[in-house]
């Protein structure tokens, strides 16, 4: 009987193994793209702005690796370096707030291998946050936290806003319907916070192009993301591969329009405000 059990077990094992199929899965891939995280947040209360630009490269498995062998990277006329933390792909420098705010055009230029990249922007101001308040309303379930944010719009310009709400959460807003007025809106976190926990909210200035770029990211990304982390769907920013351009004032004369780095170059004023969960 024991030998029969052994034979039966072998037959079952052989049957299970013989039923396994090898399935080939096509993993979508493309040539590596440069990722340029170049959002410069300017605190209006300081005179010296510490600038960091993080440069990395996409890989075949939807990850990224730091790029530490740039030939050169300059921002607003000054060279950025990575000597403080070699291997991180983070290039640093300092600029005066007055210089950034007064410049009509700010340029980002990167040389990497045989490629050249170029981005152009202007300093964008914003307004302070008037107040942060906790509300008691919910949208979908009781495990939510309502935060009421109030700002007063500048009546002398058309403003666009990007709110950094922490934990990878962002909201965009334009002043079309509250030009020059005080405005309040609610944001609902999908969790309850512990008493004593501090929430820090930022409002960033934005021009129309940056506002539209952030809207595209928010529309195409349902999960949390950092402003310049690799998006689920490739979104074109304002940094261009100009290697084959004969005139950088006309980006449409590039022969390969689908070849561009990921990321966005922006220099924006930032105001912060915090609230402690009671």
C-alpha atoms as a PDB file:
ATOM      1  CA  UNK A   1       0.000   0.000   0.000  1.00  0.00           C
ATOM      2  CA  UNK A   2       2.836   2.419   0.790  1.00  0.00           C
ATOM      3  CA  UNK A   3       4.350   1.917  -2.650  1.00  0.00           C
ATOM      4  CA  UNK A   4       0.968   2.549  -4.260  1.00  0.00           C
ATOM      5  CA  UNK A   5       0.622   5.807  -2.291  1.00  0.00           C
ATOM      6  CA  UNK A   6       4.108   6.813  -3.424  1.00  0.00           C
ATOM      7  CA  UNK A   7       3.291   6.088  -7.070  1.00  0.00           C
ATOM      8  CA  UNK A   8      -0.015   8.013  -6.786  1.00  0.00           C
ATOM      9  CA  UNK A   9       1.788  11.005  -5.259  1.00  0.00           C
ATOM     10  CA  UNK A  10       4.375  11.014  -8.051  1.00  0.00           C
ATOM     11  CA  UNK A  11       1.614  10.930 -10.664  1.00  0.00           C
ATOM     12  CA  UNK A  12      -0.129  13.911  -9.019  1.00  0.00           C
ATOM     13  CA  UNK A  13       3.118  15.880  -8.852  1.00  0.00           C
ATOM     14  CA  UNK A  14       3.935  15.105 -12.485  1.00  0.00           C
ATOM     15  CA  UNK A  15       0.419  16.152 -13.538  1.00  0.00           C
ATOM     16  CA  UNK A  16       0.671  19.438 -11.640  1.00  0.00           C
ATOM     17  CA  UNK A  17       4.042  20.236 -13.181  1.00  0.00           C
ATOM     18  CA  UNK A  18       2.976  19.290 -16.681  1.00  0.00           C
ATOM     19  CA  UNK A  19      -0.020  21.640 -16.485  1.00  0.00           C
ATOM     20  CA  UNK A  20       2.109  24.726 -15.885  1.00  0.00           C
ATOM     21  CA  UNK A  21       2.183  27.099 -18.867  1.00  0.00           C
ATOM     22  CA  UNK A  22       4.835  29.676 -19.559  1.00  0.00           C
ATOM     23  CA  UNK A  23       3.200  33.031 -20.228  1.00  0.00           C
ATOM     24  CA  UNK A  24       5.226  35.729 -21.946  1.00  0.00           C
ATOM     25  CA  UNK A  25       4.212  39.195 -20.815  1.00  0.00           C
ATOM     26  CA  UNK A  26       5.149  42.162 -22.964  1.00  0.00           C
ATOM     27  CA  UNK A  27       6.347  44.905 -20.638  1.00  0.00           C
ATOM     28  CA  UNK A  28       5.942  48.323 -22.253  1.00  0.00           C
ATOM     29  CA  UNK A  29       9.276  50.046 -22.578  1.00  0.00           C
ATOM     30  CA  UNK A  30      10.848  53.008 -24.276  1.00  0.00           C
ATOM     31  CA  UNK A  31      14.217  54.655 -24.439  1.00  0.00           C
ATOM     32  CA  UNK A  32      15.259  56.112 -21.065  1.00  0.00           C
ATOM     33  CA  UNK A  33      14.044  59.645 -20.441  1.00  0.00           C
ATOM     34  CA  UNK A  34      15.699  62.287 -18.348  1.00  0.00           C
ATOM     35  CA  UNK A  35      13.635  63.425 -15.345  1.00  0.00           C
ATOM     36  CA  UNK A  36      14.352  67.003 -14.261  1.00  0.00           C
ATOM     37  CA  UNK A  37      12.825  68.014 -10.924  1.00  0.00           C
ATOM     38  CA  UNK A  38      13.270  71.778 -11.112  1.00  0.00           C
ATOM     39  CA  UNK A  39      10.588  73.441  -9.022  1.00  0.00           C
ATOM     40  CA  UNK A  40      12.223  76.358  -7.179  1.00  0.00           C
ATOM     41  CA  UNK A  41      10.144  77.544  -4.215  1.00  0.00           C
ATOM     42  CA  UNK A  42      11.006  81.047  -3.051  1.00  0.00           C
ATOM     43  CA  UNK A  43      10.265  82.065   0.531  1.00  0.00           C
ATOM     44  CA  UNK A  44       9.502  85.828   0.425  1.00  0.00           C
ATOM     45  CA  UNK A  45      10.888  86.285   3.948  1.00  0.00           C
ATOM     46  CA  UNK A  46      14.473  85.337   3.043  1.00  0.00           C
ATOM     47  CA  UNK A  47      17.078  87.058   0.882  1.00  0.00           C
ATOM     48  CA  UNK A  48      19.068  83.972  -0.163  1.00  0.00           C
ATOM     49  CA  UNK A  49      17.310  81.127  -1.988  1.00  0.00           C
ATOM     50  CA  UNK A  50      18.764  77.626  -1.772  1.00  0.00           C
ATOM     51  CA  UNK A  51      18.189  75.933  -5.117  1.00  0.00           C
ATOM     52  CA  UNK A  52      18.071  72.182  -5.706  1.00  0.00           C
ATOM     53  CA  UNK A  53      17.526  70.475  -9.042  1.00  0.00           C
ATOM     54  CA  UNK A  54      17.242  66.684  -8.987  1.00  0.00           C
ATOM     55  CA  UNK A  55      18.134  64.891 -12.216  1.00  0.00           C
ATOM     56  CA  UNK A  56      17.437  61.190 -12.767  1.00  0.00           C
ATOM     57  CA  UNK A  57      16.827  58.738 -15.588  1.00  0.00           C
ATOM     58  CA  UNK A  58      13.906  56.377 -16.148  1.00  0.00           C
ATOM     59  CA  UNK A  59      14.649  52.671 -16.430  1.00  0.00           C
ATOM     60  CA  UNK A  60      12.810  49.748 -18.025  1.00  0.00           C
ATOM     61  CA  UNK A  61      10.934  48.874 -14.836  1.00  0.00           C
ATOM     62  CA  UNK A  62       9.240  52.229 -14.253  1.00  0.00           C
ATOM     63  CA  UNK A  63      11.868  53.282 -11.730  1.00  0.00           C
ATOM     64  CA  UNK A  64      14.573  55.882 -11.907  1.00  0.00           C
ATOM     65  CA  UNK A  65      18.285  56.211 -11.250  1.00  0.00           C
ATOM     66  CA  UNK A  66      20.189  59.386 -10.296  1.00  0.00           C
ATOM     67  CA  UNK A  67      22.143  61.145 -13.024  1.00  0.00           C
ATOM     68  CA  UNK A  68      25.454  62.278 -11.603  1.00  0.00           C
ATOM     69  CA  UNK A  69      27.529  62.761 -14.748  1.00  0.00           C
ATOM     70  CA  UNK A  70      26.074  65.943 -16.183  1.00  0.00           C
ATOM     71  CA  UNK A  71      28.570  67.971 -18.143  1.00  0.00           C
ATOM     72  CA  UNK A  72      26.990  71.157 -16.813  1.00  0.00           C
ATOM     73  CA  UNK A  73      23.793  72.520 -15.321  1.00  0.00           C
ATOM     74  CA  UNK A  74      23.101  76.235 -14.977  1.00  0.00           C
ATOM     75  CA  UNK A  75      20.083  78.036 -13.545  1.00  0.00           C
ATOM     76  CA  UNK A  76      19.598  81.807 -13.745  1.00  0.00           C
ATOM     77  CA  UNK A  77      23.141  82.212 -14.993  1.00  0.00           C
ATOM     78  CA  UNK A  78      24.898  80.275 -12.230  1.00  0.00           C
ATOM     79  CA  UNK A  79      26.352  76.766 -12.245  1.00  0.00           C
ATOM     80  CA  UNK A  80      24.805  74.129  -9.945  1.00  0.00           C
ATOM     81  CA  UNK A  81      26.984  71.387  -8.440  1.00  0.00           C
ATOM     82  CA  UNK A  82      26.473  68.072  -6.621  1.00  0.00           C
ATOM     83  CA  UNK A  83      29.605  68.074  -4.451  1.00  0.00           C
ATOM     84  CA  UNK A  84      27.674  68.115  -1.155  1.00  0.00           C
ATOM     85  CA  UNK A  85      26.141  64.672  -1.703  1.00  0.00           C
ATOM     86  CA  UNK A  86      27.867  62.947  -4.636  1.00  0.00           C
ATOM     87  CA  UNK A  87      25.825  60.167  -6.206  1.00  0.00           C
ATOM     88  CA  UNK A  88      22.423  61.641  -5.331  1.00  0.00           C
ATOM     89  CA  UNK A  89      21.800  63.377  -8.648  1.00  0.00           C
ATOM     90  CA  UNK A  90      20.902  66.542  -6.713  1.00  0.00           C
ATOM     91  CA  UNK A  91      22.584  69.708  -7.976  1.00  0.00           C
ATOM     92  CA  UNK A  92      22.651  72.715  -5.660  1.00  0.00           C
ATOM     93  CA  UNK A  93      23.351  76.426  -5.714  1.00  0.00           C
ATOM     94  CA  UNK A  94      22.225  79.720  -4.196  1.00  0.00           C
ATOM     95  CA  UNK A  95      20.649  82.795  -5.753  1.00  0.00           C
ATOM     96  CA  UNK A  96      19.360  86.054  -4.319  1.00  0.00           C
ATOM     97  CA  UNK A  97      15.593  86.367  -4.087  1.00  0.00           C
ATOM     98  CA  UNK A  98      15.824  89.855  -5.550  1.00  0.00           C
ATOM     99  CA  UNK A  99      17.615  88.568  -8.656  1.00  0.00           C
ATOM    100  CA  UNK A 100      15.052  85.814  -9.249  1.00  0.00           C
ATOM    101  CA  UNK A 101      12.069  88.121  -8.728  1.00  0.00           C
ATOM    102  CA  UNK A 102      13.444  90.913 -10.935  1.00  0.00           C
ATOM    103  CA  UNK A 103      14.428  88.771 -13.919  1.00  0.00           C
ATOM    104  CA  UNK A 104      12.089  88.843 -16.905  1.00  0.00           C
ATOM    105  CA  UNK A 105      13.315  85.415 -18.033  1.00  0.00           C
ATOM    106  CA  UNK A 106      15.003  82.660 -16.027  1.00  0.00           C
ATOM    107  CA  UNK A 107      16.841  79.933 -17.915  1.00  0.00           C
ATOM    108  CA  UNK A 108      17.676  76.330 -17.046  1.00  0.00           C
ATOM    109  CA  UNK A 109      20.317  74.704 -19.256  1.00  0.00           C
ATOM    110  CA  UNK A 110      21.629  71.154 -18.952  1.00  0.00           C
ATOM    111  CA  UNK A 111      24.325  69.303 -20.890  1.00  0.00           C
ATOM    112  CA  UNK A 112      24.317  65.515 -20.571  1.00  0.00           C
ATOM    113  CA  UNK A 113      26.254  63.119 -22.782  1.00  0.00           C
ATOM    114  CA  UNK A 114      25.699  64.459 -26.311  1.00  0.00           C
ATOM    115  CA  UNK A 115      22.359  66.126 -25.483  1.00  0.00           C
ATOM    116  CA  UNK A 116      21.403  69.655 -24.524  1.00  0.00           C
ATOM    117  CA  UNK A 117      18.234  70.619 -22.628  1.00  0.00           C
ATOM    118  CA  UNK A 118      16.673  74.030 -22.147  1.00  0.00           C
ATOM    119  CA  UNK A 119      13.853  75.461 -20.047  1.00  0.00           C
ATOM    120  CA  UNK A 120      12.567  79.007 -19.667  1.00  0.00           C
ATOM    121  CA  UNK A 121      10.284  80.536 -17.049  1.00  0.00           C
ATOM    122  CA  UNK A 122       9.585  83.711 -15.100  1.00  0.00           C
ATOM    123  CA  UNK A 123       9.180  84.275 -11.365  1.00  0.00           C
ATOM    124  CA  UNK A 124       5.505  84.006 -10.322  1.00  0.00           C
ATOM    125  CA  UNK A 125       4.244  85.671  -7.115  1.00  0.00           C
ATOM    126  CA  UNK A 126       1.292  84.499  -5.030  1.00  0.00           C
ATOM    127  CA  UNK A 127      -0.662  85.574  -1.931  1.00  0.00           C
ATOM    128  CA  UNK A 128      -0.386  84.431   1.705  1.00  0.00           C
ATOM    129  CA  UNK A 129      -2.794  81.985   3.305  1.00  0.00           C
ATOM    130  CA  UNK A 130      -5.182  83.947   5.519  1.00  0.00           C
ATOM    131  CA  UNK A 131      -6.265  81.058   7.709  1.00  0.00           C
ATOM    132  CA  UNK A 132      -6.543  77.291   8.120  1.00  0.00           C
ATOM    133  CA  UNK A 133      -9.500  75.784   9.958  1.00  0.00           C
ATOM    134  CA  UNK A 134     -10.706  72.272  10.619  1.00  0.00           C
ATOM    135  CA  UNK A 135     -14.258  71.528   9.535  1.00  0.00           C
ATOM    136  CA  UNK A 136     -16.707  68.825  10.533  1.00  0.00           C
ATOM    137  CA  UNK A 137     -18.089  67.830   7.129  1.00  0.00           C
ATOM    138  CA  UNK A 138     -17.227  64.673   5.184  1.00  0.00           C
ATOM    139  CA  UNK A 139     -17.539  63.623   1.546  1.00  0.00           C
ATOM    140  CA  UNK A 140     -17.672  59.814   1.516  1.00  0.00           C
ATOM    141  CA  UNK A 141     -17.141  58.375   4.995  1.00  0.00           C
ATOM    142  CA  UNK A 142     -16.454  59.357   8.571  1.00  0.00           C
ATOM    143  CA  UNK A 143     -12.715  58.643   8.372  1.00  0.00           C
ATOM    144  CA  UNK A 144     -11.991  61.981   6.726  1.00  0.00           C
ATOM    145  CA  UNK A 145     -10.589  65.314   7.842  1.00  0.00           C
ATOM    146  CA  UNK A 146     -11.924  68.566   6.410  1.00  0.00           C
ATOM    147  CA  UNK A 147      -9.476  71.435   6.117  1.00  0.00           C
ATOM    148  CA  UNK A 148     -10.842  74.884   5.227  1.00  0.00           C
ATOM    149  CA  UNK A 149      -8.302  77.128   3.486  1.00  0.00           C
ATOM    150  CA  UNK A 150      -8.835  80.872   3.054  1.00  0.00           C
ATOM    151  CA  UNK A 151      -6.885  83.282   0.847  1.00  0.00           C
ATOM    152  CA  UNK A 152      -7.446  86.829  -0.412  1.00  0.00           C
ATOM    153  CA  UNK A 153      -6.854  87.210  -4.138  1.00  0.00           C
ATOM    154  CA  UNK A 154      -4.788  90.093  -5.529  1.00  0.00           C
ATOM    155  CA  UNK A 155      -7.148  92.420  -7.461  1.00  0.00           C
ATOM    156  CA  UNK A 156      -4.381  93.732  -9.732  1.00  0.00           C
ATOM    157  CA  UNK A 157      -3.574  90.509 -11.615  1.00  0.00           C
ATOM    158  CA  UNK A 158      -5.024  87.235 -12.830  1.00  0.00           C
ATOM    159  CA  UNK A 159      -3.774  84.540 -10.475  1.00  0.00           C
ATOM    160  CA  UNK A 160      -3.378  80.786 -10.677  1.00  0.00           C
ATOM    161  CA  UNK A 161      -2.609  78.775  -7.568  1.00  0.00           C
ATOM    162  CA  UNK A 162      -1.102  75.384  -6.757  1.00  0.00           C
ATOM    163  CA  UNK A 163      -1.718  74.211  -3.183  1.00  0.00           C
ATOM    164  CA  UNK A 164       0.653  71.641  -1.702  1.00  0.00           C
ATOM    165  CA  UNK A 165      -1.404  69.928   0.994  1.00  0.00           C
ATOM    166  CA  UNK A 166       1.233  67.436   2.083  1.00  0.00           C
ATOM    167  CA  UNK A 167       1.321  63.645   1.685  1.00  0.00           C
ATOM    168  CA  UNK A 168       1.556  64.048  -2.097  1.00  0.00           C
ATOM    169  CA  UNK A 169      -1.762  65.918  -2.328  1.00  0.00           C
ATOM    170  CA  UNK A 170      -2.152  68.948  -4.593  1.00  0.00           C
ATOM    171  CA  UNK A 171      -5.014  71.225  -5.643  1.00  0.00           C
ATOM    172  CA  UNK A 172      -5.080  73.811  -8.435  1.00  0.00           C
ATOM    173  CA  UNK A 173      -7.187  76.955  -8.401  1.00  0.00           C
ATOM    174  CA  UNK A 174      -7.726  80.029 -10.559  1.00  0.00           C
ATOM    175  CA  UNK A 175      -9.286  83.335  -9.524  1.00  0.00           C
ATOM    176  CA  UNK A 176     -11.780  83.626 -12.391  1.00  0.00           C
ATOM    177  CA  UNK A 177     -14.792  83.717 -10.056  1.00  0.00           C
ATOM    178  CA  UNK A 178     -13.288  85.531  -7.040  1.00  0.00           C
ATOM    179  CA  UNK A 179     -11.033  88.154  -8.588  1.00  0.00           C
ATOM    180  CA  UNK A 180      -9.757  90.444  -5.811  1.00  0.00           C
ATOM    181  CA  UNK A 181     -11.943  88.813  -3.156  1.00  0.00           C
ATOM    182  CA  UNK A 182     -11.435  86.614  -0.139  1.00  0.00           C
ATOM    183  CA  UNK A 183     -12.117  82.973  -0.965  1.00  0.00           C
ATOM    184  CA  UNK A 184     -12.445  79.804   1.126  1.00  0.00           C
ATOM    185  CA  UNK A 185     -12.539  76.169   0.005  1.00  0.00           C
ATOM    186  CA  UNK A 186     -12.486  72.777   1.690  1.00  0.00           C
ATOM    187  CA  UNK A 187     -10.074  69.908   1.147  1.00  0.00           C
ATOM    188  CA  UNK A 188     -10.877  66.441   2.510  1.00  0.00           C
ATOM    189  CA  UNK A 189      -8.087  64.123   3.618  1.00  0.00           C
ATOM    190  CA  UNK A 190      -9.111  60.470   3.509  1.00  0.00           C
ATOM    191  CA  UNK A 191      -7.939  59.828   7.066  1.00  0.00           C
ATOM    192  CA  UNK A 192      -8.255  61.018  10.636  1.00  0.00           C
ATOM    193  CA  UNK A 193      -5.159  62.589  12.145  1.00  0.00           C
ATOM    194  CA  UNK A 194      -3.840  62.042  15.649  1.00  0.00           C
ATOM    195  CA  UNK A 195      -4.201  64.913  18.155  1.00  0.00           C
ATOM    196  CA  UNK A 196      -1.088  67.027  18.204  1.00  0.00           C
ATOM    197  CA  UNK A 197      -0.169  66.257  14.594  1.00  0.00           C
ATOM    198  CA  UNK A 198       0.809  69.330  12.584  1.00  0.00           C
ATOM    199  CA  UNK A 199      -0.318  69.932   9.006  1.00  0.00           C
ATOM    200  CA  UNK A 200       1.687  72.378   6.900  1.00  0.00           C
ATOM    201  CA  UNK A 201       0.062  73.814   3.780  1.00  0.00           C
ATOM    202  CA  UNK A 202       1.813  75.718   0.991  1.00  0.00           C
ATOM    203  CA  UNK A 203       0.400  77.952  -1.704  1.00  0.00           C
ATOM    204  CA  UNK A 204       2.572  78.315  -4.799  1.00  0.00           C
ATOM    205  CA  UNK A 205       2.334  80.936  -7.483  1.00  0.00           C
ATOM    206  CA  UNK A 206       1.651  79.578 -10.965  1.00  0.00           C
ATOM    207  CA  UNK A 207       1.334  80.923 -14.468  1.00  0.00           C
ATOM    208  CA  UNK A 208      -1.187  79.455 -16.905  1.00  0.00           C
ATOM    209  CA  UNK A 209       1.291  76.919 -18.320  1.00  0.00           C
ATOM    210  CA  UNK A 210       2.301  75.524 -14.926  1.00  0.00           C
ATOM    211  CA  UNK A 211      -1.356  75.485 -13.850  1.00  0.00           C
ATOM    212  CA  UNK A 212      -2.296  73.453 -16.943  1.00  0.00           C
ATOM    213  CA  UNK A 213       0.652  71.098 -16.435  1.00  0.00           C
ATOM    214  CA  UNK A 214      -0.401  70.358 -12.861  1.00  0.00           C
ATOM    215  CA  UNK A 215      -3.995  69.820 -13.952  1.00  0.00           C
ATOM    216  CA  UNK A 216      -2.867  67.184 -16.454  1.00  0.00           C
ATOM    217  CA  UNK A 217      -0.892  65.373 -13.771  1.00  0.00           C
ATOM    218  CA  UNK A 218      -3.839  65.451 -11.388  1.00  0.00           C
ATOM    219  CA  UNK A 219      -6.212  64.175 -14.075  1.00  0.00           C
ATOM    220  CA  UNK A 220      -3.957  61.282 -15.044  1.00  0.00           C
ATOM    221  CA  UNK A 221      -2.670  60.270 -11.620  1.00  0.00           C
ATOM    222  CA  UNK A 222      -5.142  58.905  -9.097  1.00  0.00           C
ATOM    223  CA  UNK A 223      -2.538  57.894  -6.510  1.00  0.00           C
ATOM    224  CA  UNK A 224      -0.286  60.194  -4.505  1.00  0.00           C
ATOM    225  CA  UNK A 225       2.706  61.645  -6.340  1.00  0.00           C
ATOM    226  CA  UNK A 226       5.450  64.202  -5.921  1.00  0.00           C
ATOM    227  CA  UNK A 227       5.320  67.194  -8.264  1.00  0.00           C
ATOM    228  CA  UNK A 228       8.118  65.872 -10.426  1.00  0.00           C
ATOM    229  CA  UNK A 229       8.027  62.150  -9.801  1.00  0.00           C
ATOM    230  CA  UNK A 230       7.554  60.075 -12.929  1.00  0.00           C
ATOM    231  CA  UNK A 231       3.831  60.314 -13.819  1.00  0.00           C
ATOM    232  CA  UNK A 232       1.814  57.270 -14.839  1.00  0.00           C
ATOM    233  CA  UNK A 233       1.276  58.832 -18.230  1.00  0.00           C
ATOM    234  CA  UNK A 234       3.943  60.931 -19.885  1.00  0.00           C
ATOM    235  CA  UNK A 235       3.072  64.622 -19.682  1.00  0.00           C
ATOM    236  CA  UNK A 236       5.048  67.198 -21.631  1.00  0.00           C
ATOM    237  CA  UNK A 237       6.493  69.975 -19.511  1.00  0.00           C
ATOM    238  CA  UNK A 238       8.406  73.098 -20.490  1.00  0.00           C
ATOM    239  CA  UNK A 239      11.904  71.594 -20.712  1.00  0.00           C
ATOM    240  CA  UNK A 240      13.040  70.702 -24.220  1.00  0.00           C
ATOM    241  CA  UNK A 241      15.739  68.671 -25.913  1.00  0.00           C
ATOM    242  CA  UNK A 242      17.360  71.336 -28.073  1.00  0.00           C
ATOM    243  CA  UNK A 243      20.226  69.222 -29.397  1.00  0.00           C
ATOM    244  CA  UNK A 244      19.019  69.395 -33.002  1.00  0.00           C
ATOM    245  CA  UNK A 245      17.406  72.813 -32.889  1.00  0.00           C
ATOM    246  CA  UNK A 246      18.841  75.582 -35.009  1.00  0.00           C
ATOM    247  CA  UNK A 247      16.818  78.255 -33.183  1.00  0.00           C
ATOM    248  CA  UNK A 248      15.707  77.798 -29.557  1.00  0.00           C
ATOM    249  CA  UNK A 249      13.005  80.433 -30.012  1.00  0.00           C
ATOM    250  CA  UNK A 250      11.044  78.005 -32.193  1.00  0.00           C
ATOM    251  CA  UNK A 251      10.670  74.606 -30.568  1.00  0.00           C
ATOM    252  CA  UNK A 252       8.402  73.327 -33.341  1.00  0.00           C
ATOM    253  CA  UNK A 253      11.324  72.991 -35.746  1.00  0.00           C
ATOM    254  CA  UNK A 254      12.586  69.927 -33.892  1.00  0.00           C
ATOM    255  CA  UNK A 255      12.566  66.860 -36.122  1.00  0.00           C
ATOM    256  CA  UNK A 256      11.683  64.499 -33.255  1.00  0.00           C
ATOM    257  CA  UNK A 257       8.754  66.157 -31.392  1.00  0.00           C
ATOM    258  CA  UNK A 258       8.147  63.184 -29.071  1.00  0.00           C
ATOM    259  CA  UNK A 259      11.636  63.263 -27.586  1.00  0.00           C
ATOM    260  CA  UNK A 260      11.552  65.398 -24.468  1.00  0.00           C
ATOM    261  CA  UNK A 261      12.506  65.020 -20.792  1.00  0.00           C
ATOM    262  CA  UNK A 262       9.987  64.624 -17.993  1.00  0.00           C
ATOM    263  CA  UNK A 263       9.491  67.401 -15.484  1.00  0.00           C
ATOM    264  CA  UNK A 264       8.799  71.110 -15.321  1.00  0.00           C
ATOM    265  CA  UNK A 265      10.895  74.199 -14.642  1.00  0.00           C
ATOM    266  CA  UNK A 266       9.212  76.801 -12.423  1.00  0.00           C
ATOM    267  CA  UNK A 267      10.401  79.522 -10.047  1.00  0.00           C
ATOM    268  CA  UNK A 268       7.520  80.468  -7.776  1.00  0.00           C
ATOM    269  CA  UNK A 269       6.792  82.363  -4.599  1.00  0.00           C
ATOM    270  CA  UNK A 270       5.635  80.149  -1.734  1.00  0.00           C
ATOM    271  CA  UNK A 271       3.750  80.935   1.463  1.00  0.00           C
ATOM    272  CA  UNK A 272       3.276  78.335   4.207  1.00  0.00           C
ATOM    273  CA  UNK A 273       0.876  78.029   7.117  1.00  0.00           C
ATOM    274  CA  UNK A 274       0.468  75.274   9.709  1.00  0.00           C
ATOM    275  CA  UNK A 275      -2.337  73.965  11.897  1.00  0.00           C
ATOM    276  CA  UNK A 276      -2.169  71.516  14.807  1.00  0.00           C
ATOM    277  CA  UNK A 277      -4.851  68.834  15.154  1.00  0.00           C
ATOM    278  CA  UNK A 278      -6.568  69.374  18.531  1.00  0.00           C
END
